[in-house]
């Protein structure tokens, strides 16, 4: 638990994102693995707040609630231990719901605050700090992600200016350049030494804006994502329901919607032809409009899965509207 006793994070940034660096060892940490993708920390915490409650994937659904459960459950189980022990237990427990670099970001402020205390604070103080940090980080990350989305996709920089005026404080960020080896190659890395989660989010925000990172919000689950292939993608690759991704479900829903519209338009053309053949009937245009309004309601119900396609067809295919009977279609 070396990191919790020395709570300072050093990040190396390049065009490919961020990677944690062990300051005392002078090398990349073994437990992080691959470099963190661009904007990964920012989007992770933003999506804790924005993810749809309908997500089936246990690794994505209500993860903010899972984090709170870990914080609260370990407080209840070990409410007589000291603050350091409790913080260590929470750190270990969070491994089940978030990657290591996210855990460190979340616990950074509390760990630094704990280290600065001359006296050991009560365990309840640490719990309150963690809970407040989770709320603050997710709220700030969500705001930053939305500002990036608007600034990059809509080419509207005003939100970024507002962010700088409203959210940017005097965070302690130190810059350095450090040579190192990775995969046998000599690298010169930009090093950012930070002591707050807000500073990490600020670095990701600035880096993403500078690199014109394309931030999108999934039209299915509401989570922010960076398109992998096409810049105009509207669905992410996260698992949503029944082991299907939002992208897969979006495509399937489109096919289903196209099928509904195809059947609706076919019946509409048939009914419109009936109207033309029966133009001698009094108030035929009014009667047809009443049928058309009714048919649209049934189409919408079908698209929202309140009725099936066959039920919709049965309800709107009748010719009784020619007699002025609209209650049953």
Protein backbone atom coordinates (compact mmCIF):
# COMPACT_ATOMS: atom_id res chain seq x y z
CA UNK A 1 0.00 0.00 0.00
CA UNK A 2 2.94 2.28 -0.81
CA UNK A 3 0.85 4.76 -2.79
CA UNK A 4 -1.53 5.66 0.04
CA UNK A 5 1.37 6.67 2.26
CA UNK A 6 2.80 8.89 -0.51
CA UNK A 7 -0.27 10.24 -2.27
CA UNK A 8 1.20 12.07 -5.25
CA UNK A 9 0.41 10.99 -8.78
CA UNK A 10 2.77 11.55 -11.67
CA UNK A 11 1.27 11.29 -15.12
CA UNK A 12 3.13 11.14 -18.40
CA UNK A 13 1.19 12.56 -21.29
CA UNK A 14 1.62 12.16 -25.02
CA UNK A 15 -0.68 12.00 -28.01
CA UNK A 16 -1.87 8.57 -26.91
CA UNK A 17 -3.06 9.48 -23.45
CA UNK A 18 -1.82 9.13 -19.89
CA UNK A 19 0.08 6.50 -18.00
CA UNK A 20 0.93 6.41 -14.32
CA UNK A 21 4.56 6.65 -13.28
CA UNK A 22 5.96 5.57 -9.91
CA UNK A 23 7.87 8.61 -8.71
CA UNK A 24 10.03 6.84 -6.14
CA UNK A 25 10.85 3.78 -8.27
CA UNK A 26 11.46 5.94 -11.33
CA UNK A 27 9.57 3.56 -13.62
CA UNK A 28 6.14 2.80 -14.95
CA UNK A 29 4.02 0.94 -12.43
CA UNK A 30 3.42 -2.75 -13.07
CA UNK A 31 -0.23 -2.77 -11.98
CA UNK A 32 -1.48 -0.26 -14.54
CA UNK A 33 -0.73 -2.13 -17.75
CA UNK A 34 -1.42 -0.36 -21.00
CA UNK A 35 -1.46 3.40 -21.27
CA UNK A 36 -4.74 4.99 -20.26
CA UNK A 37 -6.54 6.02 -23.47
CA UNK A 38 -7.09 9.72 -24.14
CA UNK A 39 -9.73 11.21 -21.88
CA UNK A 40 -10.30 7.85 -20.14
CA UNK A 41 -10.34 9.19 -16.58
CA UNK A 42 -12.61 12.09 -17.46
CA UNK A 43 -15.10 9.92 -19.35
CA UNK A 44 -15.05 7.16 -16.72
CA UNK A 45 -16.23 9.47 -13.95
CA UNK A 46 -18.59 11.39 -16.25
CA UNK A 47 -20.28 8.11 -17.16
CA UNK A 48 -20.79 7.17 -13.52
CA UNK A 49 -23.25 10.04 -13.45
CA UNK A 50 -24.67 9.68 -16.97
CA UNK A 51 -25.10 5.93 -17.48
CA UNK A 52 -28.65 4.75 -18.08
CA UNK A 53 -30.25 2.80 -15.19
CA UNK A 54 -31.39 0.23 -17.78
CA UNK A 55 -27.88 -1.12 -18.35
CA UNK A 56 -27.70 -4.88 -17.90
CA UNK A 57 -23.92 -5.12 -17.75
CA UNK A 58 -22.86 -5.37 -14.10
CA UNK A 59 -19.53 -3.77 -14.92
CA UNK A 60 -21.26 -0.63 -16.22
CA UNK A 61 -24.60 -0.34 -14.44
CA UNK A 62 -24.95 1.96 -11.43
CA UNK A 63 -21.24 1.84 -10.75
CA UNK A 64 -21.46 5.01 -8.65
CA UNK A 65 -23.88 3.11 -6.41
CA UNK A 66 -21.44 0.21 -6.28
CA UNK A 67 -18.68 2.58 -5.19
CA UNK A 68 -20.87 4.03 -2.44
CA UNK A 69 -21.78 0.53 -1.31
CA UNK A 70 -18.09 -0.33 -0.91
CA UNK A 71 -17.43 2.84 1.05
CA UNK A 72 -20.45 2.32 3.33
CA UNK A 73 -20.21 -1.44 3.79
CA UNK A 74 -16.59 -1.34 4.93
CA UNK A 75 -17.43 1.49 7.28
CA UNK A 76 -20.18 -0.60 8.86
CA UNK A 77 -18.07 -3.77 9.05
CA UNK A 78 -14.95 -2.13 10.44
CA UNK A 79 -16.26 0.94 12.23
CA UNK A 80 -13.79 0.49 15.06
CA UNK A 81 -10.61 0.54 12.93
CA UNK A 82 -8.41 3.59 12.42
CA UNK A 83 -8.77 5.91 9.42
CA UNK A 84 -5.68 4.59 7.59
CA UNK A 85 -6.83 0.98 7.80
CA UNK A 86 -10.31 1.92 6.61
CA UNK A 87 -8.89 3.82 3.64
CA UNK A 88 -6.72 0.84 2.70
CA UNK A 89 -9.71 -1.51 2.88
CA UNK A 90 -11.80 0.75 0.66
CA UNK A 91 -8.92 1.02 -1.80
CA UNK A 92 -8.69 -2.77 -2.07
CA UNK A 93 -12.48 -3.19 -2.28
CA UNK A 94 -12.83 -0.69 -5.13
CA UNK A 95 -10.71 -2.95 -7.33
CA UNK A 96 -13.92 -4.88 -8.00
CA UNK A 97 -15.69 -1.89 -9.57
CA UNK A 98 -13.00 0.31 -11.14
CA UNK A 99 -9.47 0.12 -12.60
CA UNK A 100 -6.46 1.02 -10.49
CA UNK A 101 -5.87 4.47 -11.97
CA UNK A 102 -9.51 5.39 -11.32
CA UNK A 103 -9.22 4.24 -7.70
CA UNK A 104 -6.15 6.40 -7.23
CA UNK A 105 -7.88 9.41 -8.74
CA UNK A 106 -10.89 8.96 -6.46
CA UNK A 107 -8.86 8.44 -3.27
CA UNK A 108 -6.15 11.00 -4.03
CA UNK A 109 -7.76 13.99 -2.30
CA UNK A 110 -8.66 12.00 0.81
CA UNK A 111 -5.22 10.39 1.02
CA UNK A 112 -3.48 13.77 0.82
CA UNK A 113 -5.87 15.27 3.34
CA UNK A 114 -5.26 12.36 5.70
CA UNK A 115 -1.49 12.70 5.40
CA UNK A 116 -1.66 16.42 6.26
CA UNK A 117 -3.51 15.83 9.54
CA UNK A 118 -1.45 16.17 12.70
CA UNK A 119 -3.93 13.96 14.49
CA UNK A 120 -5.60 10.86 13.16
CA UNK A 121 -9.16 11.85 12.11
CA UNK A 122 -12.21 9.77 12.89
CA UNK A 123 -13.14 7.07 10.45
CA UNK A 124 -16.41 8.90 9.77
CA UNK A 125 -14.40 11.88 8.52
CA UNK A 126 -12.66 9.72 5.93
CA UNK A 127 -15.96 8.17 4.85
CA UNK A 128 -17.53 11.61 4.43
CA UNK A 129 -14.51 12.79 2.45
CA UNK A 130 -14.69 9.82 0.07
CA UNK A 131 -18.42 10.29 -0.47
CA UNK A 132 -18.03 14.00 -1.17
CA UNK A 133 -15.10 13.34 -3.51
CA UNK A 134 -17.11 10.82 -5.52
CA UNK A 135 -19.96 13.31 -5.94
CA UNK A 136 -17.59 16.17 -6.79
CA UNK A 137 -15.49 14.23 -9.29
CA UNK A 138 -18.47 12.79 -11.18
CA UNK A 139 -20.22 16.16 -11.32
CA UNK A 140 -17.10 17.98 -12.59
CA UNK A 141 -16.22 15.23 -15.07
CA UNK A 142 -19.77 15.23 -16.44
CA UNK A 143 -19.67 19.00 -16.89
CA UNK A 144 -16.27 18.82 -18.60
CA UNK A 145 -17.38 16.02 -20.94
CA UNK A 146 -20.46 17.96 -22.03
CA UNK A 147 -18.38 21.10 -22.58
CA UNK A 148 -15.93 19.13 -24.71
CA UNK A 149 -18.76 17.59 -26.73
CA UNK A 150 -20.25 20.99 -27.50
CA UNK A 151 -16.90 22.69 -28.11
CA UNK A 152 -15.56 20.03 -30.49
CA UNK A 153 -18.68 18.79 -32.29
CA UNK A 154 -20.52 22.11 -32.53
CA UNK A 155 -17.34 24.17 -32.95
CA UNK A 156 -18.51 26.37 -30.11
CA UNK A 157 -15.76 27.34 -27.67
CA UNK A 158 -17.89 29.40 -25.27
CA UNK A 159 -18.42 26.44 -22.87
CA UNK A 160 -14.65 26.03 -22.59
CA UNK A 161 -14.25 29.70 -21.70
CA UNK A 162 -16.97 29.33 -19.08
CA UNK A 163 -15.21 26.24 -17.73
CA UNK A 164 -11.95 28.09 -17.35
CA UNK A 165 -13.64 30.98 -15.54
CA UNK A 166 -15.93 28.85 -13.38
CA UNK A 167 -14.14 25.61 -12.58
CA UNK A 168 -10.44 26.26 -13.01
CA UNK A 169 -8.80 26.96 -9.68
CA UNK A 170 -5.16 27.28 -8.77
CA UNK A 171 -4.33 23.59 -8.83
CA UNK A 172 -0.83 22.49 -8.01
CA UNK A 173 0.43 21.01 -11.29
CA UNK A 174 4.17 20.67 -11.78
CA UNK A 175 5.71 20.00 -15.18
CA UNK A 176 8.87 18.13 -16.03
CA UNK A 177 10.40 16.08 -18.84
CA UNK A 178 11.82 12.66 -18.03
CA UNK A 179 13.67 10.22 -20.30
CA UNK A 180 12.77 6.57 -20.01
CA UNK A 181 12.58 3.25 -21.82
CA UNK A 182 9.47 1.45 -22.92
CA UNK A 183 9.47 -1.66 -25.09
CA UNK A 184 13.17 -1.10 -25.70
CA UNK A 185 12.64 2.41 -27.07
CA UNK A 186 14.02 5.63 -25.62
CA UNK A 187 11.21 8.07 -24.84
CA UNK A 188 11.10 11.61 -23.54
CA UNK A 189 7.88 12.00 -21.63
CA UNK A 190 6.00 15.07 -20.48
CA UNK A 191 5.54 14.60 -16.74
CA UNK A 192 2.67 16.17 -14.81
CA UNK A 193 2.88 15.91 -11.03
CA UNK A 194 -0.53 16.49 -9.47
CA UNK A 195 -1.97 16.40 -5.97
CA UNK A 196 -5.71 16.62 -6.62
CA UNK A 197 -8.32 14.85 -8.68
CA UNK A 198 -9.46 18.18 -10.08
CA UNK A 199 -5.99 18.72 -11.55
CA UNK A 200 -6.17 15.35 -13.30
CA UNK A 201 -9.53 16.21 -14.86
CA UNK A 202 -8.17 19.60 -15.89
CA UNK A 203 -5.20 18.00 -17.64
CA UNK A 204 -7.49 15.63 -19.53
CA UNK A 205 -9.85 18.45 -20.47
CA UNK A 206 -7.06 20.63 -21.85
CA UNK A 207 -5.41 17.71 -23.65
CA UNK A 208 -8.69 16.57 -25.22
CA UNK A 209 -9.57 20.09 -26.37
CA UNK A 210 -6.08 20.68 -27.74
CA UNK A 211 -6.19 17.42 -29.70
CA UNK A 212 -9.79 18.03 -30.86
CA UNK A 213 -10.91 14.73 -29.32
CA UNK A 214 -14.31 13.81 -30.72
CA UNK A 215 -16.55 13.31 -27.68
CA UNK A 216 -19.99 11.86 -28.41
CA UNK A 217 -22.92 10.95 -26.16
CA UNK A 218 -24.57 7.61 -26.91
CA UNK A 219 -28.17 8.06 -28.01
CA UNK A 220 -29.08 4.76 -26.37
CA UNK A 221 -27.45 4.65 -22.92
CA UNK A 222 -26.41 8.29 -22.45
CA UNK A 223 -22.75 7.51 -21.78
CA UNK A 224 -19.96 9.60 -23.30
CA UNK A 225 -17.58 7.86 -25.68
CA UNK A 226 -14.93 8.47 -28.34
CA UNK A 227 -15.93 6.97 -31.73
CA UNK A 228 -13.57 4.18 -32.74
CA UNK A 229 -14.14 4.30 -36.50
CA UNK A 230 -16.62 6.82 -37.85
CA UNK A 231 -16.75 10.34 -36.45
CA UNK A 232 -20.54 10.45 -36.86
CA UNK A 233 -21.23 7.36 -34.71
CA UNK A 234 -24.19 7.83 -32.37
CA UNK A 235 -24.01 4.55 -30.42
CA UNK A 236 -21.21 3.31 -28.16
CA UNK A 237 -19.78 -0.22 -27.81
CA UNK A 238 -20.80 -0.71 -24.17
CA UNK A 239 -22.95 -3.71 -23.27
CA UNK A 240 -26.52 -2.56 -22.73
CA UNK A 241 -29.02 -5.45 -22.65
CA UNK A 242 -28.90 -9.19 -23.21
CA UNK A 243 -25.16 -9.07 -23.94
CA UNK A 244 -25.82 -6.70 -26.83
CA UNK A 245 -23.96 -3.44 -27.28
CA UNK A 246 -25.67 -0.10 -27.80
CA UNK A 247 -24.36 -0.13 -31.36
CA UNK A 248 -25.88 -3.55 -32.06
CA UNK A 249 -29.19 -2.60 -30.45
CA UNK A 250 -29.25 0.70 -32.31
CA UNK A 251 -28.88 -1.10 -35.63
CA UNK A 252 -31.52 -3.67 -34.68
CA UNK A 253 -33.94 -0.95 -33.53
CA UNK A 254 -33.43 0.89 -36.80
CA UNK A 255 -34.28 -2.23 -38.77
CA UNK A 256 -37.35 -2.78 -36.59
CA UNK A 257 -38.42 0.86 -36.95
CA UNK A 258 -37.93 0.63 -40.72
CA UNK A 259 -40.14 -2.46 -40.77
CA UNK A 260 -42.89 -0.72 -38.82
CA UNK A 261 -42.78 2.32 -41.10
CA UNK A 262 -42.81 0.09 -44.17
CA UNK A 263 -46.02 -1.64 -43.02
CA UNK A 264 -47.58 1.65 -41.92
CA UNK A 265 -46.86 3.34 -45.27
CA UNK A 266 -48.19 0.35 -47.20
CA UNK A 267 -51.49 0.53 -45.32
CA UNK A 268 -51.59 4.33 -45.62
CA UNK A 269 -51.31 4.08 -49.42
CA UNK A 270 -54.10 1.49 -49.46
CA UNK A 271 -56.39 3.70 -47.37
CA UNK A 272 -55.54 6.78 -49.41
CA UNK A 273 -56.49 4.87 -52.57
CA UNK A 274 -59.83 3.99 -50.94
CA UNK A 275 -60.40 7.68 -50.26
CA UNK A 276 -59.81 8.58 -53.90
CA UNK A 277 -62.13 5.81 -55.12
CA UNK A 278 -64.85 7.01 -52.76
CA UNK A 279 -64.57 10.75 -53.32
CA UNK A 280 -68.36 10.93 -53.71
CA UNK A 281 -68.86 10.16 -49.99
CA UNK A 282 -69.75 13.22 -47.93
CA UNK A 283 -66.92 14.52 -45.69
CA UNK A 284 -64.53 11.89 -47.04
CA UNK A 285 -61.49 14.12 -46.44
CA UNK A 286 -62.50 14.70 -42.80
CA UNK A 287 -63.09 10.99 -42.26
CA UNK A 288 -59.72 10.12 -43.81
CA UNK A 289 -57.96 12.65 -41.60
CA UNK A 290 -59.59 11.11 -38.53
CA UNK A 291 -58.35 7.69 -39.64
CA UNK A 292 -54.86 9.05 -40.36
CA UNK A 293 -54.61 10.60 -36.88
CA UNK A 294 -55.71 7.33 -35.33
CA UNK A 295 -53.23 5.38 -37.47
CA UNK A 296 -50.34 7.59 -36.36
CA UNK A 297 -51.19 6.89 -32.72
CA UNK A 298 -51.10 3.14 -33.39
CA UNK A 299 -47.81 3.47 -35.30
CA UNK A 300 -46.25 5.31 -32.36
CA UNK A 301 -47.52 2.64 -29.95
CA UNK A 302 -45.93 -0.01 -32.13
CA UNK A 303 -42.61 1.84 -32.23
CA UNK A 304 -42.66 2.08 -28.43
CA UNK A 305 -43.45 -1.67 -28.26
CA UNK A 306 -46.88 -1.18 -26.65
CA UNK A 307 -48.44 -3.23 -29.46
CA UNK A 308 -47.01 -5.63 -32.03
CA UNK A 309 -46.72 -5.02 -35.77
CA UNK A 310 -49.54 -7.48 -36.42
CA UNK A 311 -51.75 -5.68 -33.90
CA UNK A 312 -51.01 -2.35 -35.53
CA UNK A 313 -51.86 -3.74 -38.96
CA UNK A 314 -55.15 -5.15 -37.69
CA UNK A 315 -56.13 -1.88 -36.04
CA UNK A 316 -55.48 0.41 -39.01
CA UNK A 317 -56.31 -1.82 -42.01
CA UNK A 318 -60.09 -1.71 -41.59
CA UNK A 319 -62.23 0.28 -44.04
CA UNK A 320 -64.92 1.13 -41.48
CA UNK A 321 -63.64 4.72 -41.37
CA UNK A 322 -65.39 5.21 -44.73
CA UNK A 323 -68.67 4.97 -42.82
CA UNK A 324 -67.46 7.46 -40.25
CA UNK A 325 -66.62 4.76 -37.68
CA UNK A 326 -63.31 5.78 -36.09
CA UNK A 327 -63.40 4.23 -32.61
CA UNK A 328 -62.09 0.90 -33.89
CA UNK A 329 -59.92 2.23 -36.70
